[in-house]
Amino acid sequence: MVVLYRVIAVLIGYVFGLFQTGYIYGKHKGIDIREHGSGNSGTTNTLRTLGPKAGGITFLGDCLKAIAAMGVVWLIFHHSCGEWDKVLCLYAGFGAVLGHNFPFYLKFKGGKGIACTAGVVIGICPFAVPVCFAAFVIIVLITRYVSLGSIIGVLLFLVQIFIFYRNGLLGVEGNYADEFVILAICFTAMALIRHRANIVRLVKGTENKIHFSKKE
């Protein structure tokens, strides 16, 4: 039964993740965002293609869908799984990232999951938000590399999870705490895999920088 709960949580998250904010916003403007820029439907490509307003809306929508997925899972399971409902919420968040990155109805061509992951961090581990957010903003402002800020942000999330784990601050105990850490590693691994091309360009010095020019 516990395995089934995990599967249900991931599936609920995946359904929420299918709400492709950037793609939907682009269609409203008469374009398929995946046919422009990097070809992704996430915040950064939407920002580059349609401007700050579109980027902000996309980030907010993708962030909120992860939070909503976790909220639904919590409402379903918190009475019966009170001791580990936080872990199930994290499964839902991971499902939302999977749905965002690999939407079946768009031929599995979505975004890179950073905004979704941000929503998960906000919903499941808010104490980790200030460090991740500050690092992201500082790095992007200094380097203009959104990819670098995103990568550092998710790595710092994982570092903080390890610190919380060692100090018993995760809000779950025993094997569930171990599982929580493993899931956090999966989030980080997913982000790094989705940014592998960006990492190569960063190393070569050919990564595109962001410019905040108004396009709307």
N, C-alpha and C. Protein backbone atom coordinates (compact mmCIF):
# COMPACT_ATOMS: atom_id res chain seq x y z
N MET A 1 0.82 -1.21 0.00
CA MET A 1 0.00 0.00 0.00
C MET A 1 0.86 1.27 0.00
N VAL A 2 1.96 1.24 0.77
CA VAL A 2 2.81 2.42 0.84
C VAL A 2 3.44 2.73 -0.52
N VAL A 3 3.75 1.68 -1.27
CA VAL A 3 4.28 1.89 -2.62
C VAL A 3 3.22 2.54 -3.50
N LEU A 4 1.99 2.07 -3.37
CA LEU A 4 0.89 2.64 -4.14
C LEU A 4 0.71 4.12 -3.82
N TYR A 5 0.84 4.49 -2.55
CA TYR A 5 0.71 5.89 -2.17
C TYR A 5 1.76 6.75 -2.87
N ARG A 6 2.95 6.23 -2.96
CA ARG A 6 4.03 6.96 -3.62
C ARG A 6 3.71 7.14 -5.11
N VAL A 7 3.24 6.07 -5.72
CA VAL A 7 2.90 6.13 -7.15
C VAL A 7 1.79 7.13 -7.39
N ILE A 8 0.76 7.10 -6.54
CA ILE A 8 -0.35 8.04 -6.67
C ILE A 8 0.14 9.48 -6.53
N ALA A 9 1.03 9.71 -5.56
CA ALA A 9 1.57 11.06 -5.35
C ALA A 9 2.32 11.56 -6.59
N VAL A 10 3.14 10.69 -7.17
CA VAL A 10 3.89 11.07 -8.37
C VAL A 10 2.93 11.35 -9.53
N LEU A 11 1.92 10.53 -9.69
CA LEU A 11 0.97 10.71 -10.79
C LEU A 11 0.18 12.01 -10.63
N ILE A 12 -0.23 12.31 -9.41
CA ILE A 12 -0.93 13.58 -9.16
C ILE A 12 -0.01 14.75 -9.53
N GLY A 13 1.23 14.66 -9.11
CA GLY A 13 2.19 15.70 -9.45
C GLY A 13 2.38 15.83 -10.94
N TYR A 14 2.48 14.70 -11.62
CA TYR A 14 2.68 14.72 -13.07
C TYR A 14 1.54 15.43 -13.77
N VAL A 15 0.31 15.16 -13.34
CA VAL A 15 -0.86 15.81 -13.95
C VAL A 15 -0.77 17.32 -13.79
N PHE A 16 -0.42 17.78 -12.61
CA PHE A 16 -0.27 19.22 -12.40
C PHE A 16 0.87 19.78 -13.24
N GLY A 17 1.94 19.00 -13.36
CA GLY A 17 3.09 19.45 -14.14
C GLY A 17 2.79 19.64 -15.61
N LEU A 18 1.72 19.01 -16.09
CA LEU A 18 1.35 19.12 -17.50
C LEU A 18 0.85 20.51 -17.87
N PHE A 19 0.52 21.32 -16.88
CA PHE A 19 0.10 22.70 -17.16
C PHE A 19 1.33 23.50 -17.55
N GLN A 20 1.57 23.63 -18.84
CA GLN A 20 2.76 24.28 -19.36
C GLN A 20 2.50 25.79 -19.50
N THR A 21 2.85 26.53 -18.47
CA THR A 21 2.53 27.96 -18.43
C THR A 21 3.12 28.71 -19.62
N GLY A 22 4.40 28.48 -19.90
CA GLY A 22 5.05 29.18 -21.00
C GLY A 22 4.44 28.84 -22.34
N TYR A 23 4.15 27.57 -22.54
CA TYR A 23 3.54 27.12 -23.80
C TYR A 23 2.16 27.75 -23.96
N ILE A 24 1.36 27.72 -22.90
CA ILE A 24 0.00 28.27 -22.96
C ILE A 24 0.04 29.79 -23.18
N TYR A 25 0.93 30.46 -22.49
CA TYR A 25 1.06 31.91 -22.66
C TYR A 25 1.49 32.24 -24.09
N GLY A 26 2.45 31.45 -24.60
CA GLY A 26 2.91 31.68 -25.96
C GLY A 26 1.80 31.48 -26.97
N LYS A 27 0.99 30.44 -26.78
CA LYS A 27 -0.13 30.20 -27.68
C LYS A 27 -1.12 31.36 -27.64
N HIS A 28 -1.29 31.93 -26.46
CA HIS A 28 -2.17 33.10 -26.32
C HIS A 28 -1.64 34.27 -27.15
N LYS A 29 -0.32 34.32 -27.28
CA LYS A 29 0.31 35.37 -28.08
C LYS A 29 0.51 34.96 -29.54
N GLY A 30 0.06 33.76 -29.87
CA GLY A 30 0.12 33.32 -31.26
C GLY A 30 1.39 32.63 -31.67
N ILE A 31 2.19 32.17 -30.70
CA ILE A 31 3.43 31.47 -31.05
C ILE A 31 3.58 30.20 -30.22
N ASP A 32 4.35 29.27 -30.74
CA ASP A 32 4.75 28.10 -29.98
C ASP A 32 6.13 28.40 -29.41
N ILE A 33 6.20 28.60 -28.09
CA ILE A 33 7.44 29.03 -27.47
C ILE A 33 8.58 28.05 -27.72
N ARG A 34 8.23 26.80 -27.99
CA ARG A 34 9.26 25.79 -28.22
C ARG A 34 9.91 25.90 -29.58
N GLU A 35 9.36 26.75 -30.43
CA GLU A 35 9.96 26.97 -31.75
C GLU A 35 10.87 28.19 -31.77
N HIS A 36 11.14 28.73 -30.59
CA HIS A 36 11.98 29.92 -30.49
C HIS A 36 13.07 29.70 -29.44
N GLY A 37 14.14 30.44 -29.59
CA GLY A 37 15.22 30.39 -28.61
C GLY A 37 15.77 29.00 -28.40
N SER A 38 15.80 28.59 -27.13
CA SER A 38 16.38 27.29 -26.77
C SER A 38 15.45 26.12 -27.09
N GLY A 39 14.17 26.42 -27.37
CA GLY A 39 13.22 25.36 -27.66
C GLY A 39 12.53 24.81 -26.44
N ASN A 40 12.82 25.37 -25.27
CA ASN A 40 12.17 24.93 -24.04
C ASN A 40 10.92 25.77 -23.78
N SER A 41 10.04 25.24 -22.94
CA SER A 41 8.82 25.97 -22.61
C SER A 41 8.87 26.57 -21.21
N GLY A 42 10.07 26.68 -20.66
CA GLY A 42 10.23 27.19 -19.31
C GLY A 42 10.39 28.69 -19.22
N THR A 43 10.71 29.15 -18.01
CA THR A 43 10.77 30.58 -17.71
C THR A 43 11.82 31.32 -18.52
N THR A 44 13.02 30.78 -18.58
CA THR A 44 14.12 31.52 -19.22
C THR A 44 13.86 31.74 -20.70
N ASN A 45 13.42 30.71 -21.40
CA ASN A 45 13.16 30.87 -22.83
C ASN A 45 11.98 31.79 -23.08
N THR A 46 10.98 31.72 -22.20
CA THR A 46 9.83 32.62 -22.33
C THR A 46 10.25 34.05 -22.09
N LEU A 47 11.12 34.24 -21.10
CA LEU A 47 11.64 35.58 -20.81
C LEU A 47 12.41 36.13 -22.00
N ARG A 48 13.28 35.31 -22.58
CA ARG A 48 14.07 35.76 -23.72
C ARG A 48 13.19 36.05 -24.94
N THR A 49 12.17 35.25 -25.13
CA THR A 49 11.36 35.35 -26.34
C THR A 49 10.26 36.39 -26.24
N LEU A 50 9.60 36.45 -25.09
CA LEU A 50 8.42 37.32 -24.96
C LEU A 50 8.57 38.45 -23.95
N GLY A 51 9.67 38.47 -23.22
CA GLY A 51 9.91 39.58 -22.31
C GLY A 51 9.66 39.27 -20.85
N PRO A 52 9.98 40.24 -19.96
CA PRO A 52 9.90 40.04 -18.51
C PRO A 52 8.52 39.67 -17.99
N LYS A 53 7.47 40.30 -18.53
CA LYS A 53 6.12 39.99 -18.05
C LYS A 53 5.80 38.52 -18.29
N ALA A 54 6.07 38.04 -19.49
CA ALA A 54 5.81 36.64 -19.82
C ALA A 54 6.67 35.72 -18.97
N GLY A 55 7.92 36.11 -18.76
CA GLY A 55 8.81 35.30 -17.94
C GLY A 55 8.32 35.20 -16.51
N GLY A 56 7.86 36.33 -15.97
CA GLY A 56 7.35 36.35 -14.60
C GLY A 56 6.10 35.50 -14.44
N ILE A 57 5.19 35.61 -15.40
CA ILE A 57 3.96 34.81 -15.35
C ILE A 57 4.28 33.33 -15.45
N THR A 58 5.22 33.00 -16.32
CA THR A 58 5.61 31.60 -16.49
C THR A 58 6.23 31.04 -15.24
N PHE A 59 7.13 31.81 -14.64
CA PHE A 59 7.76 31.36 -13.40
C PHE A 59 6.72 31.14 -12.31
N LEU A 60 5.81 32.10 -12.17
CA LEU A 60 4.79 32.00 -11.12
C LEU A 60 3.89 30.79 -11.35
N GLY A 61 3.44 30.62 -12.59
CA GLY A 61 2.56 29.49 -12.89
C GLY A 61 3.23 28.15 -12.67
N ASP A 62 4.48 28.02 -13.11
CA ASP A 62 5.19 26.75 -12.96
C ASP A 62 5.54 26.47 -11.50
N CYS A 63 5.79 27.54 -10.76
CA CYS A 63 6.08 27.40 -9.34
C CYS A 63 4.83 26.96 -8.58
N LEU A 64 3.71 27.61 -8.89
CA LEU A 64 2.47 27.34 -8.17
C LEU A 64 1.90 25.95 -8.45
N LYS A 65 2.14 25.44 -9.66
CA LYS A 65 1.58 24.11 -9.96
C LYS A 65 2.24 23.03 -9.11
N ALA A 66 3.51 23.21 -8.80
CA ALA A 66 4.18 22.25 -7.92
C ALA A 66 3.63 22.36 -6.50
N ILE A 67 3.43 23.58 -6.04
CA ILE A 67 2.87 23.79 -4.71
C ILE A 67 1.46 23.21 -4.63
N ALA A 68 0.67 23.43 -5.69
CA ALA A 68 -0.70 22.92 -5.72
C ALA A 68 -0.72 21.40 -5.68
N ALA A 69 0.18 20.77 -6.42
CA ALA A 69 0.25 19.30 -6.43
C ALA A 69 0.55 18.77 -5.04
N MET A 70 1.50 19.39 -4.37
CA MET A 70 1.83 18.95 -3.01
C MET A 70 0.67 19.19 -2.05
N GLY A 71 -0.03 20.29 -2.25
CA GLY A 71 -1.19 20.58 -1.40
C GLY A 71 -2.28 19.54 -1.54
N VAL A 72 -2.54 19.13 -2.76
CA VAL A 72 -3.57 18.11 -3.01
C VAL A 72 -3.17 16.79 -2.36
N VAL A 73 -1.92 16.40 -2.52
CA VAL A 73 -1.45 15.15 -1.92
C VAL A 73 -1.53 15.22 -0.40
N TRP A 74 -1.18 16.36 0.15
CA TRP A 74 -1.28 16.51 1.61
C TRP A 74 -2.72 16.35 2.07
N LEU A 75 -3.65 16.97 1.36
CA LEU A 75 -5.06 16.87 1.73
C LEU A 75 -5.57 15.42 1.67
N ILE A 76 -5.07 14.67 0.70
CA ILE A 76 -5.51 13.28 0.53
C ILE A 76 -4.93 12.36 1.60
N PHE A 77 -3.66 12.56 1.93
CA PHE A 77 -2.95 11.56 2.73
C PHE A 77 -2.60 11.97 4.17
N HIS A 78 -2.78 13.23 4.54
CA HIS A 78 -2.22 13.62 5.84
C HIS A 78 -2.91 12.96 7.02
N HIS A 79 -4.16 12.55 6.86
CA HIS A 79 -4.84 11.87 7.96
C HIS A 79 -4.35 10.43 8.12
N SER A 80 -4.11 9.75 7.02
CA SER A 80 -3.70 8.35 7.08
C SER A 80 -2.19 8.15 7.12
N CYS A 81 -1.44 9.18 6.68
CA CYS A 81 0.03 9.05 6.60
C CYS A 81 0.71 10.22 7.29
N GLY A 82 0.19 10.58 8.44
CA GLY A 82 0.70 11.77 9.12
C GLY A 82 2.19 11.75 9.38
N GLU A 83 2.75 10.58 9.63
CA GLU A 83 4.16 10.51 9.99
C GLU A 83 5.09 10.66 8.78
N TRP A 84 4.56 10.49 7.60
CA TRP A 84 5.43 10.63 6.43
C TRP A 84 4.74 11.34 5.26
N ASP A 85 3.71 12.14 5.56
CA ASP A 85 3.02 12.85 4.48
C ASP A 85 3.94 13.86 3.80
N LYS A 86 4.96 14.34 4.53
CA LYS A 86 5.91 15.28 3.93
C LYS A 86 6.69 14.61 2.80
N VAL A 87 7.00 13.34 2.98
CA VAL A 87 7.71 12.59 1.94
C VAL A 87 6.81 12.41 0.72
N LEU A 88 5.55 12.11 0.96
CA LEU A 88 4.60 11.96 -0.15
C LEU A 88 4.44 13.28 -0.90
N CYS A 89 4.45 14.39 -0.18
CA CYS A 89 4.37 15.70 -0.84
C CYS A 89 5.59 15.92 -1.73
N LEU A 90 6.75 15.44 -1.26
CA LEU A 90 7.96 15.58 -2.06
C LEU A 90 7.87 14.73 -3.32
N TYR A 91 7.25 13.54 -3.22
CA TYR A 91 7.01 12.72 -4.41
C TYR A 91 6.10 13.47 -5.39
N ALA A 92 5.09 14.14 -4.86
CA ALA A 92 4.20 14.91 -5.73
C ALA A 92 4.96 16.03 -6.43
N GLY A 93 5.85 16.68 -5.70
CA GLY A 93 6.67 17.72 -6.30
C GLY A 93 7.56 17.19 -7.40
N PHE A 94 8.11 16.00 -7.17
CA PHE A 94 8.96 15.39 -8.19
C PHE A 94 8.13 15.03 -9.42
N GLY A 95 6.91 14.55 -9.18
CA GLY A 95 6.01 14.27 -10.30
C GLY A 95 5.70 15.51 -11.10
N ALA A 96 5.52 16.64 -10.41
CA ALA A 96 5.25 17.90 -11.11
C ALA A 96 6.42 18.30 -12.00
N VAL A 97 7.63 18.10 -11.50
CA VAL A 97 8.82 18.39 -12.31
C VAL A 97 8.87 17.48 -13.53
N LEU A 98 8.55 16.20 -13.33
CA LEU A 98 8.53 15.26 -14.47
C LEU A 98 7.49 15.68 -15.50
N GLY A 99 6.31 16.07 -15.03
CA GLY A 99 5.25 16.51 -15.94
C GLY A 99 5.64 17.76 -16.69
N HIS A 100 6.33 18.66 -16.01
CA HIS A 100 6.79 19.90 -16.65
C HIS A 100 7.87 19.61 -17.69
N ASN A 101 8.81 18.77 -17.32
CA ASN A 101 9.93 18.48 -18.22
C ASN A 101 9.55 17.58 -19.38
N PHE A 102 8.62 16.65 -19.12
CA PHE A 102 8.28 15.65 -20.13
C PHE A 102 6.77 15.52 -20.31
N PRO A 103 6.10 16.57 -20.81
CA PRO A 103 4.65 16.50 -21.03
C PRO A 103 4.32 15.60 -22.21
N PHE A 104 3.52 14.58 -21.99
CA PHE A 104 3.27 13.60 -23.04
C PHE A 104 2.57 14.21 -24.25
N TYR A 105 1.71 15.21 -24.01
CA TYR A 105 0.93 15.78 -25.11
C TYR A 105 1.74 16.77 -25.96
N LEU A 106 2.95 17.08 -25.51
CA LEU A 106 3.86 17.93 -26.29
C LEU A 106 5.08 17.12 -26.73
N LYS A 107 4.86 15.83 -26.92
CA LYS A 107 5.92 14.92 -27.34
C LYS A 107 7.09 14.93 -26.37
N PHE A 108 6.76 15.08 -25.07
CA PHE A 108 7.73 15.03 -23.97
C PHE A 108 8.77 16.15 -24.07
N LYS A 109 8.40 17.25 -24.70
CA LYS A 109 9.30 18.38 -24.86
C LYS A 109 8.80 19.55 -24.03
N GLY A 110 9.31 19.67 -22.81
CA GLY A 110 8.86 20.73 -21.92
C GLY A 110 10.00 21.64 -21.51
N GLY A 111 10.05 21.96 -20.21
CA GLY A 111 11.07 22.86 -19.70
C GLY A 111 12.18 22.11 -18.99
N LYS A 112 12.86 22.82 -18.10
CA LYS A 112 13.98 22.22 -17.37
C LYS A 112 13.69 22.05 -15.89
N GLY A 113 12.52 22.51 -15.45
CA GLY A 113 12.05 22.18 -14.11
C GLY A 113 12.53 23.06 -12.97
N ILE A 114 13.23 24.16 -13.26
CA ILE A 114 13.77 24.98 -12.17
C ILE A 114 12.66 25.71 -11.42
N ALA A 115 11.71 26.31 -12.14
CA ALA A 115 10.61 27.01 -11.47
C ALA A 115 9.77 26.03 -10.65
N CYS A 116 9.53 24.84 -11.20
CA CYS A 116 8.81 23.80 -10.47
C CYS A 116 9.56 23.41 -9.21
N THR A 117 10.86 23.23 -9.34
CA THR A 117 11.68 22.86 -8.20
C THR A 117 11.65 23.97 -7.15
N ALA A 118 11.65 25.22 -7.60
CA ALA A 118 11.55 26.34 -6.66
C ALA A 118 10.24 26.24 -5.88
N GLY A 119 9.16 25.88 -6.57
CA GLY A 119 7.88 25.71 -5.89
C GLY A 119 7.94 24.60 -4.85
N VAL A 120 8.62 23.53 -5.18
CA VAL A 120 8.77 22.42 -4.24
C VAL A 120 9.54 22.87 -3.00
N VAL A 121 10.63 23.60 -3.21
CA VAL A 121 11.43 24.09 -2.08
C VAL A 121 10.60 25.02 -1.20
N ILE A 122 9.84 25.91 -1.82
CA ILE A 122 8.99 26.83 -1.06
C ILE A 122 7.96 26.06 -0.24
N GLY A 123 7.36 25.04 -0.84
CA GLY A 123 6.30 24.31 -0.18
C GLY A 123 6.76 23.30 0.85
N ILE A 124 7.92 22.69 0.63
CA ILE A 124 8.34 21.58 1.46
C ILE A 124 9.47 21.93 2.42
N CYS A 125 10.28 22.93 2.07
CA CYS A 125 11.44 23.28 2.89
C CYS A 125 11.71 24.78 2.79
N PRO A 126 10.78 25.61 3.28
CA PRO A 126 10.90 27.06 3.10
C PRO A 126 12.16 27.67 3.72
N PHE A 127 12.72 26.99 4.73
CA PHE A 127 13.93 27.53 5.36
C PHE A 127 15.12 27.52 4.40
N ALA A 128 15.03 26.72 3.33
CA ALA A 128 16.13 26.66 2.36
C ALA A 128 16.00 27.74 1.30
N VAL A 129 14.85 28.41 1.26
CA VAL A 129 14.59 29.37 0.18
C VAL A 129 15.53 30.57 0.18
N PRO A 130 15.75 31.25 1.32
CA PRO A 130 16.57 32.48 1.29
C PRO A 130 17.95 32.29 0.68
N VAL A 131 18.64 31.22 1.07
CA VAL A 131 19.99 30.99 0.55
C VAL A 131 19.95 30.70 -0.94
N CYS A 132 19.03 29.82 -1.37
CA CYS A 132 18.93 29.48 -2.80
C CYS A 132 18.56 30.71 -3.63
N PHE A 133 17.59 31.47 -3.16
CA PHE A 133 17.13 32.64 -3.91
C PHE A 133 18.22 33.70 -3.99
N ALA A 134 18.87 33.96 -2.86
CA ALA A 134 19.93 34.98 -2.84
C ALA A 134 21.07 34.60 -3.78
N ALA A 135 21.46 33.32 -3.74
CA ALA A 135 22.55 32.86 -4.61
C ALA A 135 22.16 32.99 -6.07
N PHE A 136 20.92 32.60 -6.40
CA PHE A 136 20.46 32.70 -7.78
C PHE A 136 20.49 34.14 -8.26
N VAL A 137 19.93 35.04 -7.49
CA VAL A 137 19.86 36.45 -7.89
C VAL A 137 21.25 37.06 -8.05
N ILE A 138 22.10 36.82 -7.09
CA ILE A 138 23.46 37.40 -7.14
C ILE A 138 24.23 36.88 -8.35
N ILE A 139 24.17 35.57 -8.58
CA ILE A 139 24.91 34.99 -9.70
C ILE A 139 24.38 35.50 -11.04
N VAL A 140 23.05 35.58 -11.18
CA VAL A 140 22.48 36.06 -12.44
C VAL A 140 22.80 37.53 -12.67
N LEU A 141 22.73 38.33 -11.62
CA LEU A 141 23.04 39.75 -11.76
C LEU A 141 24.50 39.98 -12.13
N ILE A 142 25.38 39.17 -11.56
CA ILE A 142 26.81 39.35 -11.82
C ILE A 142 27.23 38.76 -13.16
N THR A 143 26.76 37.56 -13.46
CA THR A 143 27.23 36.85 -14.65
C THR A 143 26.28 36.92 -15.84
N ARG A 144 24.99 37.19 -15.57
CA ARG A 144 23.92 37.14 -16.58
C ARG A 144 23.67 35.73 -17.11
N TYR A 145 24.16 34.74 -16.39
CA TYR A 145 23.91 33.35 -16.76
C TYR A 145 22.80 32.79 -15.87
N VAL A 146 21.59 32.67 -16.41
CA VAL A 146 20.48 32.10 -15.65
C VAL A 146 20.75 30.63 -15.35
N SER A 147 21.34 29.94 -16.29
CA SER A 147 21.63 28.51 -16.09
C SER A 147 22.56 28.30 -14.91
N LEU A 148 23.58 29.14 -14.79
CA LEU A 148 24.53 29.00 -13.69
C LEU A 148 23.84 29.28 -12.36
N GLY A 149 23.02 30.33 -12.33
CA GLY A 149 22.27 30.62 -11.11
C GLY A 149 21.35 29.48 -10.72
N SER A 150 20.70 28.86 -11.71
CA SER A 150 19.79 27.74 -11.46
C SER A 150 20.55 26.53 -10.91
N ILE A 151 21.69 26.24 -11.52
CA ILE A 151 22.48 25.08 -11.10
C ILE A 151 22.99 25.27 -9.67
N ILE A 152 23.52 26.44 -9.38
CA ILE A 152 24.02 26.71 -8.04
C ILE A 152 22.88 26.68 -7.03
N GLY A 153 21.72 27.20 -7.43
CA GLY A 153 20.56 27.22 -6.55
C GLY A 153 20.13 25.82 -6.12
N VAL A 154 20.04 24.90 -7.08
CA VAL A 154 19.60 23.54 -6.73
C VAL A 154 20.68 22.80 -5.95
N LEU A 155 21.94 23.08 -6.23
CA LEU A 155 23.02 22.46 -5.46
C LEU A 155 22.99 22.93 -4.01
N LEU A 156 22.72 24.22 -3.81
CA LEU A 156 22.63 24.74 -2.45
C LEU A 156 21.42 24.18 -1.71
N PHE A 157 20.36 23.93 -2.45
CA PHE A 157 19.20 23.26 -1.85
C PHE A 157 19.61 21.91 -1.30
N LEU A 158 20.34 21.14 -2.09
CA LEU A 158 20.77 19.82 -1.65
C LEU A 158 21.71 19.91 -0.45
N VAL A 159 22.62 20.87 -0.49
CA VAL A 159 23.55 21.04 0.63
C VAL A 159 22.78 21.32 1.92
N GLN A 160 21.79 22.20 1.82
CA GLN A 160 21.00 22.52 3.00
C GLN A 160 20.19 21.33 3.49
N ILE A 161 19.69 20.52 2.56
CA ILE A 161 18.96 19.31 2.95
C ILE A 161 19.86 18.38 3.76
N PHE A 162 21.10 18.24 3.32
CA PHE A 162 22.05 17.41 4.07
C PHE A 162 22.29 17.97 5.47
N ILE A 163 22.41 19.30 5.56
CA ILE A 163 22.62 19.95 6.86
C ILE A 163 21.41 19.74 7.76
N PHE A 164 20.22 19.95 7.22
CA PHE A 164 19.00 19.73 8.01
C PHE A 164 18.89 18.26 8.44
N TYR A 165 19.26 17.37 7.54
CA TYR A 165 19.21 15.93 7.83
C TYR A 165 20.12 15.58 8.99
N ARG A 166 21.33 16.08 8.96
CA ARG A 166 22.30 15.77 10.01
C ARG A 166 21.88 16.33 11.36
N ASN A 167 21.09 17.40 11.31
CA ASN A 167 20.67 18.05 12.56
C ASN A 167 19.23 17.75 12.95
N GLY A 168 18.61 16.80 12.25
CA GLY A 168 17.25 16.39 12.59
C GLY A 168 16.21 17.45 12.36
N LEU A 169 16.39 18.26 11.32
CA LEU A 169 15.49 19.39 11.08
C LEU A 169 14.60 19.21 9.84
N LEU A 170 14.54 18.02 9.30
CA LEU A 170 13.75 17.79 8.09
C LEU A 170 12.26 17.69 8.36
N GLY A 171 11.89 17.38 9.58
CA GLY A 171 10.48 17.20 9.89
C GLY A 171 10.00 15.78 9.70
N VAL A 172 10.91 14.89 9.33
CA VAL A 172 10.63 13.45 9.23
C VAL A 172 11.80 12.71 9.86
N GLU A 173 11.55 11.47 10.27
CA GLU A 173 12.57 10.74 11.01
C GLU A 173 12.83 9.37 10.40
N GLY A 174 13.94 8.78 10.82
CA GLY A 174 14.27 7.41 10.45
C GLY A 174 14.42 7.20 8.95
N ASN A 175 13.84 6.10 8.48
CA ASN A 175 13.95 5.76 7.06
C ASN A 175 13.29 6.81 6.16
N TYR A 176 12.27 7.49 6.69
CA TYR A 176 11.61 8.52 5.89
C TYR A 176 12.54 9.71 5.66
N ALA A 177 13.37 10.00 6.64
CA ALA A 177 14.36 11.07 6.47
C ALA A 177 15.37 10.68 5.41
N ASP A 178 15.79 9.42 5.42
CA ASP A 178 16.72 8.93 4.40
C ASP A 178 16.08 9.04 3.02
N GLU A 179 14.81 8.67 2.94
CA GLU A 179 14.08 8.74 1.66
C GLU A 179 13.95 10.18 1.18
N PHE A 180 13.73 11.08 2.12
CA PHE A 180 13.63 12.50 1.80
C PHE A 180 14.92 12.99 1.14
N VAL A 181 16.04 12.60 1.72
CA VAL A 181 17.34 13.01 1.18
C VAL A 181 17.56 12.42 -0.22
N ILE A 182 17.19 11.17 -0.40
CA ILE A 182 17.34 10.53 -1.70
C ILE A 182 16.52 11.27 -2.76
N LEU A 183 15.30 11.66 -2.39
CA LEU A 183 14.46 12.41 -3.32
C LEU A 183 15.08 13.77 -3.64
N ALA A 184 15.66 14.41 -2.64
CA ALA A 184 16.33 15.69 -2.87
C ALA A 184 17.49 15.52 -3.85
N ILE A 185 18.20 14.41 -3.73
CA ILE A 185 19.28 14.11 -4.68
C ILE A 185 18.72 13.94 -6.08
N CYS A 186 17.55 13.30 -6.19
CA CYS A 186 16.90 13.10 -7.49
C CYS A 186 16.53 14.43 -8.13
N PHE A 187 16.03 15.37 -7.32
CA PHE A 187 15.72 16.70 -7.84
C PHE A 187 16.97 17.36 -8.42
N THR A 188 18.04 17.29 -7.67
CA THR A 188 19.29 17.92 -8.11
C THR A 188 19.83 17.24 -9.36
N ALA A 189 19.79 15.92 -9.37
CA ALA A 189 20.27 15.17 -10.54
C ALA A 189 19.45 15.52 -11.78
N MET A 190 18.13 15.62 -11.61
CA MET A 190 17.26 15.99 -12.73
C MET A 190 17.63 17.36 -13.29
N ALA A 191 17.85 18.32 -12.40
CA ALA A 191 18.21 19.67 -12.84
C ALA A 191 19.54 19.67 -13.59
N LEU A 192 20.50 18.94 -13.07
CA LEU A 192 21.82 18.89 -13.72
C LEU A 192 21.74 18.21 -15.08
N ILE A 193 20.96 17.14 -15.16
CA ILE A 193 20.80 16.43 -16.44
C ILE A 193 20.15 17.34 -17.47
N ARG A 194 19.11 18.05 -17.05
CA ARG A 194 18.41 18.95 -17.97
C ARG A 194 19.27 20.13 -18.39
N HIS A 195 20.29 20.44 -17.59
CA HIS A 195 21.18 21.56 -17.91
C HIS A 195 22.54 21.10 -18.45
N ARG A 196 22.62 19.84 -18.86
CA ARG A 196 23.92 19.33 -19.29
C ARG A 196 24.49 20.11 -20.46
N ALA A 197 23.64 20.51 -21.40
CA ALA A 197 24.14 21.30 -22.54
C ALA A 197 24.60 22.67 -22.08
N ASN A 198 23.88 23.25 -21.12
CA ASN A 198 24.28 24.55 -20.58
C ASN A 198 25.62 24.45 -19.86
N ILE A 199 25.81 23.34 -19.14
CA ILE A 199 27.07 23.15 -18.42
C ILE A 199 28.24 23.10 -19.40
N VAL A 200 28.04 22.40 -20.50
CA VAL A 200 29.10 22.32 -21.52
C VAL A 200 29.40 23.71 -22.07
N ARG A 201 28.35 24.49 -22.35
CA ARG A 201 28.57 25.84 -22.88
C ARG A 201 29.21 26.76 -21.84
N LEU A 202 28.86 26.58 -20.58
CA LEU A 202 29.47 27.39 -19.52
C LEU A 202 30.97 27.10 -19.45
N VAL A 203 31.32 25.84 -19.55
CA VAL A 203 32.74 25.46 -19.51
C VAL A 203 33.49 26.05 -20.71
N LYS A 204 32.83 26.04 -21.87
CA LYS A 204 33.46 26.55 -23.09
C LYS A 204 33.39 28.08 -23.19
N GLY A 205 32.58 28.70 -22.34
CA GLY A 205 32.42 30.15 -22.39
C GLY A 205 31.50 30.61 -23.50
N THR A 206 30.62 29.73 -23.97
CA THR A 206 29.72 30.08 -25.08
C THR A 206 28.25 30.14 -24.65
N GLU A 207 28.00 30.07 -23.34
CA GLU A 207 26.62 30.10 -22.86
C GLU A 207 25.99 31.48 -23.12
N ASN A 208 24.70 31.48 -23.47
CA ASN A 208 24.00 32.73 -23.73
C ASN A 208 23.71 33.47 -22.43
N LYS A 209 23.90 34.77 -22.46
CA LYS A 209 23.59 35.59 -21.31
C LYS A 209 22.19 36.17 -21.46
N ILE A 210 21.57 36.45 -20.32
CA ILE A 210 20.21 36.98 -20.33
C ILE A 210 20.25 38.51 -20.43
N HIS A 211 19.33 39.07 -21.16
CA HIS A 211 19.20 40.52 -21.27
C HIS A 211 17.74 40.86 -20.98
N PHE A 212 17.53 41.78 -20.08
CA PHE A 212 16.18 42.09 -19.62
C PHE A 212 15.56 43.22 -20.44
N SER A 213 15.49 43.02 -21.74
CA SER A 213 14.87 44.01 -22.61
C SER A 213 13.38 43.75 -22.69
N LYS A 214 12.58 44.80 -22.73
CA LYS A 214 11.13 44.65 -22.74
C LYS A 214 10.67 44.31 -24.15
N LYS A 215 9.81 43.26 -24.27
CA LYS A 215 9.35 42.83 -25.58
C LYS A 215 7.82 42.85 -25.67
N GLU A 216 7.16 43.29 -24.63
CA GLU A 216 5.69 43.29 -24.64
C GLU A 216 5.19 44.71 -24.44
